């Protein structure tokens, strides 16, 4: 039986008293249906009436109506379904990780994570956020057996990245602003993540950062002056989309910029 906004409204007193905190009964009915608000927010309903409405809302939801799970919850459920029938040890080998106790172990920046079919655990440090878990599931299920190309390009040069390029490049801008006139501090922060100094083009400083077993980035930095601020850029391997999709690549850049600037990757929310 369908139980939509108008059905809920029909079960309300329609006094528009606003005691529920909404602008009227229609707004309250909409909140119950779409936002999951409990019917008991209406002070004029009995507990029996509230229980009946809860049951009808729950039944409608089973049929696809009403409040939807947040996108991140839907994403992680779908990714868990994707790995449910997979051999995690085989996926680990393909992704450049290793297998322990039937789970894939993958290093992301300076932390190792154990990726199981229902959960992702950090082997040290804080528990991963749901976004870190999604990122690692994407890498594990997407990583191809092919090797990186070794050819470095700007993220915006890759296919279908136009809408994400500004977000990716903003991560380098954040690094430049944070470390302006402090190249030595950036060098220390990068090397704490296992980065290796290298030479690249006209950049004053450059580092290769192996963020994942098969995904590295080149961080370029031009020291600023009192008149002109510092500049930074991040380059990716031309084959990065063999291992991460566009959204996950931006998440990687955000996580790296956070870690370099002394923030946690759990604070990254796409």
C-alpha atoms as a PDB file:
ATOM      1  CA  UNK A   1       0.000   0.000   0.000  1.00  0.00           C
ATOM      2  CA  UNK A   2       1.424   3.386  -1.011  1.00  0.00           C
ATOM      3  CA  UNK A   3       1.699   5.904   1.789  1.00  0.00           C
ATOM      4  CA  UNK A   4       2.883   9.237   0.428  1.00  0.00           C
ATOM      5  CA  UNK A   5       2.943  12.851   1.618  1.00  0.00           C
ATOM      6  CA  UNK A   6      -0.769  13.421   0.940  1.00  0.00           C
ATOM      7  CA  UNK A   7      -1.678  10.213   2.777  1.00  0.00           C
ATOM      8  CA  UNK A   8       0.320  11.346   5.783  1.00  0.00           C
ATOM      9  CA  UNK A   9      -1.302  14.775   5.580  1.00  0.00           C
ATOM     10  CA  UNK A  10      -4.704  13.094   5.614  1.00  0.00           C
ATOM     11  CA  UNK A  11      -3.825  11.454   8.943  1.00  0.00           C
ATOM     12  CA  UNK A  12      -2.779  14.750  10.528  1.00  0.00           C
ATOM     13  CA  UNK A  13      -5.204  17.124  12.310  1.00  0.00           C
ATOM     14  CA  UNK A  14      -4.568  19.825   9.656  1.00  0.00           C
ATOM     15  CA  UNK A  15      -4.682  22.602  12.242  1.00  0.00           C
ATOM     16  CA  UNK A  16      -1.387  24.128  11.029  1.00  0.00           C
ATOM     17  CA  UNK A  17      -0.612  24.898  14.666  1.00  0.00           C
ATOM     18  CA  UNK A  18       3.164  24.859  14.035  1.00  0.00           C
ATOM     19  CA  UNK A  19       3.805  23.187  17.394  1.00  0.00           C
ATOM     20  CA  UNK A  20       5.844  20.578  15.515  1.00  0.00           C
ATOM     21  CA  UNK A  21       8.294  23.289  14.489  1.00  0.00           C
ATOM     22  CA  UNK A  22       7.230  23.242  10.837  1.00  0.00           C
ATOM     23  CA  UNK A  23       5.326  25.902   8.905  1.00  0.00           C
ATOM     24  CA  UNK A  24       2.208  23.744   8.767  1.00  0.00           C
ATOM     25  CA  UNK A  25       0.831  20.233   8.487  1.00  0.00           C
ATOM     26  CA  UNK A  26       1.871  19.800   4.847  1.00  0.00           C
ATOM     27  CA  UNK A  27       5.479  20.701   5.687  1.00  0.00           C
ATOM     28  CA  UNK A  28       5.392  18.248   8.602  1.00  0.00           C
ATOM     29  CA  UNK A  29       3.976  15.481   6.373  1.00  0.00           C
ATOM     30  CA  UNK A  30       6.739  16.138   3.826  1.00  0.00           C
ATOM     31  CA  UNK A  31       9.350  15.917   6.580  1.00  0.00           C
ATOM     32  CA  UNK A  32       7.961  12.599   7.798  1.00  0.00           C
ATOM     33  CA  UNK A  33       8.022  11.165   4.276  1.00  0.00           C
ATOM     34  CA  UNK A  34      11.260  12.539   2.873  1.00  0.00           C
ATOM     35  CA  UNK A  35      13.408  13.270   5.932  1.00  0.00           C
ATOM     36  CA  UNK A  36      12.395  10.418   8.200  1.00  0.00           C
ATOM     37  CA  UNK A  37      10.965  12.639  10.949  1.00  0.00           C
ATOM     38  CA  UNK A  38       8.987  10.656  13.508  1.00  0.00           C
ATOM     39  CA  UNK A  39       5.201  11.256  13.474  1.00  0.00           C
ATOM     40  CA  UNK A  40       5.313  11.833  17.239  1.00  0.00           C
ATOM     41  CA  UNK A  41       6.628  15.295  16.418  1.00  0.00           C
ATOM     42  CA  UNK A  42       2.970  16.211  16.028  1.00  0.00           C
ATOM     43  CA  UNK A  43       1.652  16.734  19.584  1.00  0.00           C
ATOM     44  CA  UNK A  44      -1.940  16.004  18.528  1.00  0.00           C
ATOM     45  CA  UNK A  45      -1.363  12.379  17.498  1.00  0.00           C
ATOM     46  CA  UNK A  46      -1.813   9.504  19.907  1.00  0.00           C
ATOM     47  CA  UNK A  47       0.895   6.888  20.286  1.00  0.00           C
ATOM     48  CA  UNK A  48      -1.347   4.384  18.514  1.00  0.00           C
ATOM     49  CA  UNK A  49      -1.745   6.751  15.569  1.00  0.00           C
ATOM     50  CA  UNK A  50       2.009   7.344  15.462  1.00  0.00           C
ATOM     51  CA  UNK A  51       2.718   3.598  15.497  1.00  0.00           C
ATOM     52  CA  UNK A  52       0.292   3.037  12.617  1.00  0.00           C
ATOM     53  CA  UNK A  53       1.892   5.832  10.568  1.00  0.00           C
ATOM     54  CA  UNK A  54       5.408   4.526  11.257  1.00  0.00           C
ATOM     55  CA  UNK A  55       4.389   1.102   9.987  1.00  0.00           C
ATOM     56  CA  UNK A  56       2.863   2.550   6.818  1.00  0.00           C
ATOM     57  CA  UNK A  57       5.916   4.732   6.143  1.00  0.00           C
ATOM     58  CA  UNK A  58       8.204   1.736   6.664  1.00  0.00           C
ATOM     59  CA  UNK A  59       6.157  -0.369   4.231  1.00  0.00           C
ATOM     60  CA  UNK A  60       6.208   2.391   1.618  1.00  0.00           C
ATOM     61  CA  UNK A  61       9.962   2.691   2.041  1.00  0.00           C
ATOM     62  CA  UNK A  62      10.385  -1.010   1.307  1.00  0.00           C
ATOM     63  CA  UNK A  63       8.714  -0.314  -2.029  1.00  0.00           C
ATOM     64  CA  UNK A  64      11.242   2.387  -2.851  1.00  0.00           C
ATOM     65  CA  UNK A  65       9.488   5.463  -1.510  1.00  0.00           C
ATOM     66  CA  UNK A  66      10.346   7.981   1.149  1.00  0.00           C
ATOM     67  CA  UNK A  67      13.697   8.787   2.663  1.00  0.00           C
ATOM     68  CA  UNK A  68      16.727   7.389   0.833  1.00  0.00           C
ATOM     69  CA  UNK A  69      19.963   6.329   2.463  1.00  0.00           C
ATOM     70  CA  UNK A  70      22.756   8.905   2.151  1.00  0.00           C
ATOM     71  CA  UNK A  71      24.840   8.492  -1.003  1.00  0.00           C
ATOM     72  CA  UNK A  72      27.901   7.331   0.914  1.00  0.00           C
ATOM     73  CA  UNK A  73      25.879   4.563   2.576  1.00  0.00           C
ATOM     74  CA  UNK A  74      24.501   3.460  -0.778  1.00  0.00           C
ATOM     75  CA  UNK A  75      28.002   3.533  -2.275  1.00  0.00           C
ATOM     76  CA  UNK A  76      29.624   1.393   0.385  1.00  0.00           C
ATOM     77  CA  UNK A  77      26.766  -1.125   0.293  1.00  0.00           C
ATOM     78  CA  UNK A  78      27.194  -1.453  -3.472  1.00  0.00           C
ATOM     79  CA  UNK A  79      30.974  -1.809  -3.194  1.00  0.00           C
ATOM     80  CA  UNK A  80      30.641  -4.511  -0.543  1.00  0.00           C
ATOM     81  CA  UNK A  81      28.298  -6.375  -2.849  1.00  0.00           C
ATOM     82  CA  UNK A  82      30.902  -6.036  -5.579  1.00  0.00           C
ATOM     83  CA  UNK A  83      33.646  -7.698  -3.514  1.00  0.00           C
ATOM     84  CA  UNK A  84      31.361 -10.298  -1.925  1.00  0.00           C
ATOM     85  CA  UNK A  85      32.058 -12.886  -4.600  1.00  0.00           C
ATOM     86  CA  UNK A  86      35.679 -11.934  -5.229  1.00  0.00           C
ATOM     87  CA  UNK A  87      38.920 -13.500  -4.071  1.00  0.00           C
ATOM     88  CA  UNK A  88      40.395 -10.700  -1.960  1.00  0.00           C
ATOM     89  CA  UNK A  89      43.869 -12.192  -2.158  1.00  0.00           C
ATOM     90  CA  UNK A  90      43.707 -12.094  -5.948  1.00  0.00           C
ATOM     91  CA  UNK A  91      42.491  -8.498  -5.841  1.00  0.00           C
ATOM     92  CA  UNK A  92      45.297  -7.616  -3.445  1.00  0.00           C
ATOM     93  CA  UNK A  93      47.915  -9.056  -5.781  1.00  0.00           C
ATOM     94  CA  UNK A  94      46.445  -7.153  -8.728  1.00  0.00           C
ATOM     95  CA  UNK A  95      46.396  -3.905  -6.729  1.00  0.00           C
ATOM     96  CA  UNK A  96      49.980  -4.292  -5.527  1.00  0.00           C
ATOM     97  CA  UNK A  97      49.027  -5.144  -1.953  1.00  0.00           C
ATOM     98  CA  UNK A  98      49.340  -8.354  -0.006  1.00  0.00           C
ATOM     99  CA  UNK A  99      47.044 -10.958   1.526  1.00  0.00           C
ATOM    100  CA  UNK A 100      46.719 -11.593   5.267  1.00  0.00           C
ATOM    101  CA  UNK A 101      44.121 -13.912   6.788  1.00  0.00           C
ATOM    102  CA  UNK A 102      42.036 -13.826   3.640  1.00  0.00           C
ATOM    103  CA  UNK A 103      41.904 -10.023   3.521  1.00  0.00           C
ATOM    104  CA  UNK A 104      43.664  -7.548   1.246  1.00  0.00           C
ATOM    105  CA  UNK A 105      46.221  -5.269   2.879  1.00  0.00           C
ATOM    106  CA  UNK A 106      46.925  -2.026   1.018  1.00  0.00           C
ATOM    107  CA  UNK A 107      49.032   0.963   1.993  1.00  0.00           C
ATOM    108  CA  UNK A 108      47.452   4.387   1.517  1.00  0.00           C
ATOM    109  CA  UNK A 109      49.941   7.197   2.147  1.00  0.00           C
ATOM    110  CA  UNK A 110      51.602   6.284   5.454  1.00  0.00           C
ATOM    111  CA  UNK A 111      48.980   3.840   6.780  1.00  0.00           C
ATOM    112  CA  UNK A 112      48.214   0.221   5.959  1.00  0.00           C
ATOM    113  CA  UNK A 113      44.587  -0.887   5.778  1.00  0.00           C
ATOM    114  CA  UNK A 114      43.115  -4.363   5.900  1.00  0.00           C
ATOM    115  CA  UNK A 115      40.214  -4.605   3.461  1.00  0.00           C
ATOM    116  CA  UNK A 116      37.676  -7.323   4.113  1.00  0.00           C
ATOM    117  CA  UNK A 117      34.384  -8.115   2.421  1.00  0.00           C
ATOM    118  CA  UNK A 118      32.355  -6.241   5.025  1.00  0.00           C
ATOM    119  CA  UNK A 119      34.803  -3.885   6.723  1.00  0.00           C
ATOM    120  CA  UNK A 120      37.992  -1.867   6.308  1.00  0.00           C
ATOM    121  CA  UNK A 121      40.385  -1.504   9.251  1.00  0.00           C
ATOM    122  CA  UNK A 122      43.443   0.665   9.767  1.00  0.00           C
ATOM    123  CA  UNK A 123      46.356  -1.447  11.008  1.00  0.00           C
ATOM    124  CA  UNK A 124      47.570   1.598  12.938  1.00  0.00           C
ATOM    125  CA  UNK A 125      46.210   5.001  13.804  1.00  0.00           C
ATOM    126  CA  UNK A 126      42.581   6.130  13.770  1.00  0.00           C
ATOM    127  CA  UNK A 127      39.770   4.071  12.271  1.00  0.00           C
ATOM    128  CA  UNK A 128      39.063   5.089   8.668  1.00  0.00           C
ATOM    129  CA  UNK A 129      36.093   7.274   7.791  1.00  0.00           C
ATOM    130  CA  UNK A 130      33.403   5.917   5.503  1.00  0.00           C
ATOM    131  CA  UNK A 131      34.924   7.968   2.655  1.00  0.00           C
ATOM    132  CA  UNK A 132      38.352   6.381   3.147  1.00  0.00           C
ATOM    133  CA  UNK A 133      36.682   2.965   3.105  1.00  0.00           C
ATOM    134  CA  UNK A 134      34.882   3.804  -0.148  1.00  0.00           C
ATOM    135  CA  UNK A 135      38.130   5.070  -1.667  1.00  0.00           C
ATOM    136  CA  UNK A 136      39.995   1.871  -0.775  1.00  0.00           C
ATOM    137  CA  UNK A 137      37.197  -0.372  -2.056  1.00  0.00           C
ATOM    138  CA  UNK A 138      37.255   1.579  -5.343  1.00  0.00           C
ATOM    139  CA  UNK A 139      41.002   1.114  -5.659  1.00  0.00           C
ATOM    140  CA  UNK A 140      40.879  -2.572  -4.777  1.00  0.00           C
ATOM    141  CA  UNK A 141      38.107  -3.373  -7.258  1.00  0.00           C
ATOM    142  CA  UNK A 142      39.304  -1.094 -10.060  1.00  0.00           C
ATOM    143  CA  UNK A 143      43.079  -1.539 -10.031  1.00  0.00           C
ATOM    144  CA  UNK A 144      44.204  -3.144 -13.262  1.00  0.00           C
ATOM    145  CA  UNK A 145      47.036  -5.648 -13.610  1.00  0.00           C
ATOM    146  CA  UNK A 146      48.856  -3.250 -15.927  1.00  0.00           C
ATOM    147  CA  UNK A 147      51.811  -1.228 -14.728  1.00  0.00           C
ATOM    148  CA  UNK A 148      51.721   2.589 -14.540  1.00  0.00           C
ATOM    149  CA  UNK A 149      52.971   4.285 -17.685  1.00  0.00           C
ATOM    150  CA  UNK A 150      55.590   6.492 -16.039  1.00  0.00           C
ATOM    151  CA  UNK A 151      54.294   9.402 -18.119  1.00  0.00           C
ATOM    152  CA  UNK A 152      53.237  12.376 -15.993  1.00  0.00           C
ATOM    153  CA  UNK A 153      50.346  14.628 -16.998  1.00  0.00           C
ATOM    154  CA  UNK A 154      48.053  17.230 -15.483  1.00  0.00           C
ATOM    155  CA  UNK A 155      44.811  15.755 -14.173  1.00  0.00           C
ATOM    156  CA  UNK A 156      42.757  17.909 -16.546  1.00  0.00           C
ATOM    157  CA  UNK A 157      44.461  16.246 -19.529  1.00  0.00           C
ATOM    158  CA  UNK A 158      42.726  12.953 -18.724  1.00  0.00           C
ATOM    159  CA  UNK A 159      39.349  11.937 -20.198  1.00  0.00           C
ATOM    160  CA  UNK A 160      36.172  13.217 -18.529  1.00  0.00           C
ATOM    161  CA  UNK A 161      37.947  15.265 -15.866  1.00  0.00           C
ATOM    162  CA  UNK A 162      36.804  18.767 -16.840  1.00  0.00           C
ATOM    163  CA  UNK A 163      34.215  19.042 -14.063  1.00  0.00           C
ATOM    164  CA  UNK A 164      36.692  17.768 -11.437  1.00  0.00           C
ATOM    165  CA  UNK A 165      39.870  19.548 -12.522  1.00  0.00           C
ATOM    166  CA  UNK A 166      39.354  22.700 -10.452  1.00  0.00           C
ATOM    167  CA  UNK A 167      38.827  20.663  -7.291  1.00  0.00           C
ATOM    168  CA  UNK A 168      41.970  18.666  -8.002  1.00  0.00           C
ATOM    169  CA  UNK A 169      44.035  21.782  -8.682  1.00  0.00           C
ATOM    170  CA  UNK A 170      42.686  23.507  -5.559  1.00  0.00           C
ATOM    171  CA  UNK A 171      44.545  20.880  -3.521  1.00  0.00           C
ATOM    172  CA  UNK A 172      47.875  22.063  -4.936  1.00  0.00           C
ATOM    173  CA  UNK A 173      46.851  25.677  -4.281  1.00  0.00           C
ATOM    174  CA  UNK A 174      46.185  24.771  -0.652  1.00  0.00           C
ATOM    175  CA  UNK A 175      49.688  23.289  -0.335  1.00  0.00           C
ATOM    176  CA  UNK A 176      51.262  26.374  -1.937  1.00  0.00           C
ATOM    177  CA  UNK A 177      49.417  28.735   0.410  1.00  0.00           C
ATOM    178  CA  UNK A 178      50.217  26.681   3.499  1.00  0.00           C
ATOM    179  CA  UNK A 179      53.942  26.355   2.742  1.00  0.00           C
ATOM    180  CA  UNK A 180      54.591  29.713   1.057  1.00  0.00           C
ATOM    181  CA  UNK A 181      58.189  30.755   1.805  1.00  0.00           C
ATOM    182  CA  UNK A 182      58.604  27.497   3.774  1.00  0.00           C
ATOM    183  CA  UNK A 183      59.944  25.016   1.248  1.00  0.00           C
ATOM    184  CA  UNK A 184      61.999  23.215   3.896  1.00  0.00           C
ATOM    185  CA  UNK A 185      58.865  22.505   5.941  1.00  0.00           C
ATOM    186  CA  UNK A 186      57.131  21.114   2.853  1.00  0.00           C
ATOM    187  CA  UNK A 187      60.157  18.924   2.170  1.00  0.00           C
ATOM    188  CA  UNK A 188      59.952  17.553   5.719  1.00  0.00           C
ATOM    189  CA  UNK A 189      56.200  16.955   5.479  1.00  0.00           C
ATOM    190  CA  UNK A 190      56.544  15.198   2.123  1.00  0.00           C
ATOM    191  CA  UNK A 191      59.384  12.977   3.281  1.00  0.00           C
ATOM    192  CA  UNK A 192      57.381  12.020   6.378  1.00  0.00           C
ATOM    193  CA  UNK A 193      54.944  10.460   3.914  1.00  0.00           C
ATOM    194  CA  UNK A 194      57.763   8.582   2.201  1.00  0.00           C
ATOM    195  CA  UNK A 195      58.189  11.037  -0.673  1.00  0.00           C
ATOM    196  CA  UNK A 196      61.370  11.038  -2.704  1.00  0.00           C
ATOM    197  CA  UNK A 197      62.890  14.307  -3.905  1.00  0.00           C
ATOM    198  CA  UNK A 198      63.393  14.497  -7.631  1.00  0.00           C
ATOM    199  CA  UNK A 199      64.031  17.049 -10.364  1.00  0.00           C
ATOM    200  CA  UNK A 200      61.232  18.025 -12.697  1.00  0.00           C
ATOM    201  CA  UNK A 201      61.087  20.807 -15.262  1.00  0.00           C
ATOM    202  CA  UNK A 202      61.327  24.351 -13.929  1.00  0.00           C
ATOM    203  CA  UNK A 203      60.057  23.541 -10.432  1.00  0.00           C
ATOM    204  CA  UNK A 204      62.265  24.689  -7.565  1.00  0.00           C
ATOM    205  CA  UNK A 205      61.396  21.493  -5.709  1.00  0.00           C
ATOM    206  CA  UNK A 206      59.704  18.259  -6.748  1.00  0.00           C
ATOM    207  CA  UNK A 207      58.754  15.055  -4.968  1.00  0.00           C
ATOM    208  CA  UNK A 208      57.386  11.700  -6.048  1.00  0.00           C
ATOM    209  CA  UNK A 209      54.780  10.464  -3.571  1.00  0.00           C
ATOM    210  CA  UNK A 210      53.663   6.835  -3.818  1.00  0.00           C
ATOM    211  CA  UNK A 211      50.177   7.230  -2.370  1.00  0.00           C
ATOM    212  CA  UNK A 212      48.999   3.703  -3.241  1.00  0.00           C
ATOM    213  CA  UNK A 213      50.954   0.679  -4.471  1.00  0.00           C
ATOM    214  CA  UNK A 214      50.161   1.518  -8.106  1.00  0.00           C
ATOM    215  CA  UNK A 215      49.322   5.218  -7.832  1.00  0.00           C
ATOM    216  CA  UNK A 216      51.969   7.889  -7.460  1.00  0.00           C
ATOM    217  CA  UNK A 217      51.864  11.647  -7.849  1.00  0.00           C
ATOM    218  CA  UNK A 218      54.500  14.235  -8.605  1.00  0.00           C
ATOM    219  CA  UNK A 219      54.264  17.329  -6.411  1.00  0.00           C
ATOM    220  CA  UNK A 220      55.896  20.424  -7.910  1.00  0.00           C
ATOM    221  CA  UNK A 221      56.656  23.553  -5.910  1.00  0.00           C
ATOM    222  CA  UNK A 222      57.903  26.988  -6.959  1.00  0.00           C
ATOM    223  CA  UNK A 223      59.055  29.099  -4.039  1.00  0.00           C
ATOM    224  CA  UNK A 224      57.353  32.459  -3.821  1.00  0.00           C
ATOM    225  CA  UNK A 225      58.672  35.946  -3.160  1.00  0.00           C
ATOM    226  CA  UNK A 226      57.312  38.841  -1.154  1.00  0.00           C
ATOM    227  CA  UNK A 227      55.672  40.049  -4.359  1.00  0.00           C
ATOM    228  CA  UNK A 228      54.464  36.750  -5.784  1.00  0.00           C
ATOM    229  CA  UNK A 229      53.162  33.832  -3.759  1.00  0.00           C
ATOM    230  CA  UNK A 230      54.359  30.257  -4.008  1.00  0.00           C
ATOM    231  CA  UNK A 231      52.921  27.936  -6.648  1.00  0.00           C
ATOM    232  CA  UNK A 232      52.360  24.203  -6.577  1.00  0.00           C
ATOM    233  CA  UNK A 233      51.013  21.597  -8.960  1.00  0.00           C
ATOM    234  CA  UNK A 234      50.289  17.894  -8.821  1.00  0.00           C
ATOM    235  CA  UNK A 235      50.860  15.588 -11.770  1.00  0.00           C
ATOM    236  CA  UNK A 236      49.442  12.095 -12.140  1.00  0.00           C
ATOM    237  CA  UNK A 237      50.456   9.051 -14.109  1.00  0.00           C
ATOM    238  CA  UNK A 238      48.723   8.939 -17.464  1.00  0.00           C
ATOM    239  CA  UNK A 239      47.165   5.596 -16.489  1.00  0.00           C
ATOM    240  CA  UNK A 240      45.753   6.664 -13.109  1.00  0.00           C
ATOM    241  CA  UNK A 241      42.213   5.997 -14.329  1.00  0.00           C
ATOM    242  CA  UNK A 242      43.159   2.326 -14.636  1.00  0.00           C
ATOM    243  CA  UNK A 243      43.250   2.297 -10.830  1.00  0.00           C
ATOM    244  CA  UNK A 244      40.938   5.088  -9.623  1.00  0.00           C
ATOM    245  CA  UNK A 245      37.950   6.830 -11.134  1.00  0.00           C
ATOM    246  CA  UNK A 246      37.818  10.609 -11.482  1.00  0.00           C
ATOM    247  CA  UNK A 247      36.109  11.227  -8.139  1.00  0.00           C
ATOM    248  CA  UNK A 248      38.495   8.958  -6.262  1.00  0.00           C
ATOM    249  CA  UNK A 249      41.459  10.718  -7.897  1.00  0.00           C
ATOM    250  CA  UNK A 250      40.226  14.039  -6.498  1.00  0.00           C
ATOM    251  CA  UNK A 251      39.758  12.420  -3.089  1.00  0.00           C
ATOM    252  CA  UNK A 252      43.372  11.255  -3.273  1.00  0.00           C
ATOM    253  CA  UNK A 253      44.586  14.802  -3.990  1.00  0.00           C
ATOM    254  CA  UNK A 254      42.486  16.160  -1.108  1.00  0.00           C
ATOM    255  CA  UNK A 255      43.798  13.489   1.270  1.00  0.00           C
ATOM    256  CA  UNK A 256      47.401  14.216   0.286  1.00  0.00           C
ATOM    257  CA  UNK A 257      47.014  17.977   0.708  1.00  0.00           C
ATOM    258  CA  UNK A 258      45.413  17.428   4.114  1.00  0.00           C
ATOM    259  CA  UNK A 259      48.208  15.171   5.324  1.00  0.00           C
ATOM    260  CA  UNK A 260      50.923  17.535   4.098  1.00  0.00           C
ATOM    261  CA  UNK A 261      49.217  20.460   5.833  1.00  0.00           C
ATOM    262  CA  UNK A 262      48.948  18.582   9.131  1.00  0.00           C
ATOM    263  CA  UNK A 263      45.298  17.575   8.840  1.00  0.00           C
ATOM    264  CA  UNK A 264      43.775  14.102   8.868  1.00  0.00           C
ATOM    265  CA  UNK A 265      42.445  12.267   5.832  1.00  0.00           C
ATOM    266  CA  UNK A 266      39.294  11.416   7.782  1.00  0.00           C
ATOM    267  CA  UNK A 267      38.418  15.101   7.503  1.00  0.00           C
ATOM    268  CA  UNK A 268      38.115  14.824   3.716  1.00  0.00           C
ATOM    269  CA  UNK A 269      34.448  14.766   2.712  1.00  0.00           C
ATOM    270  CA  UNK A 270      33.812  14.790  -1.060  1.00  0.00           C
END
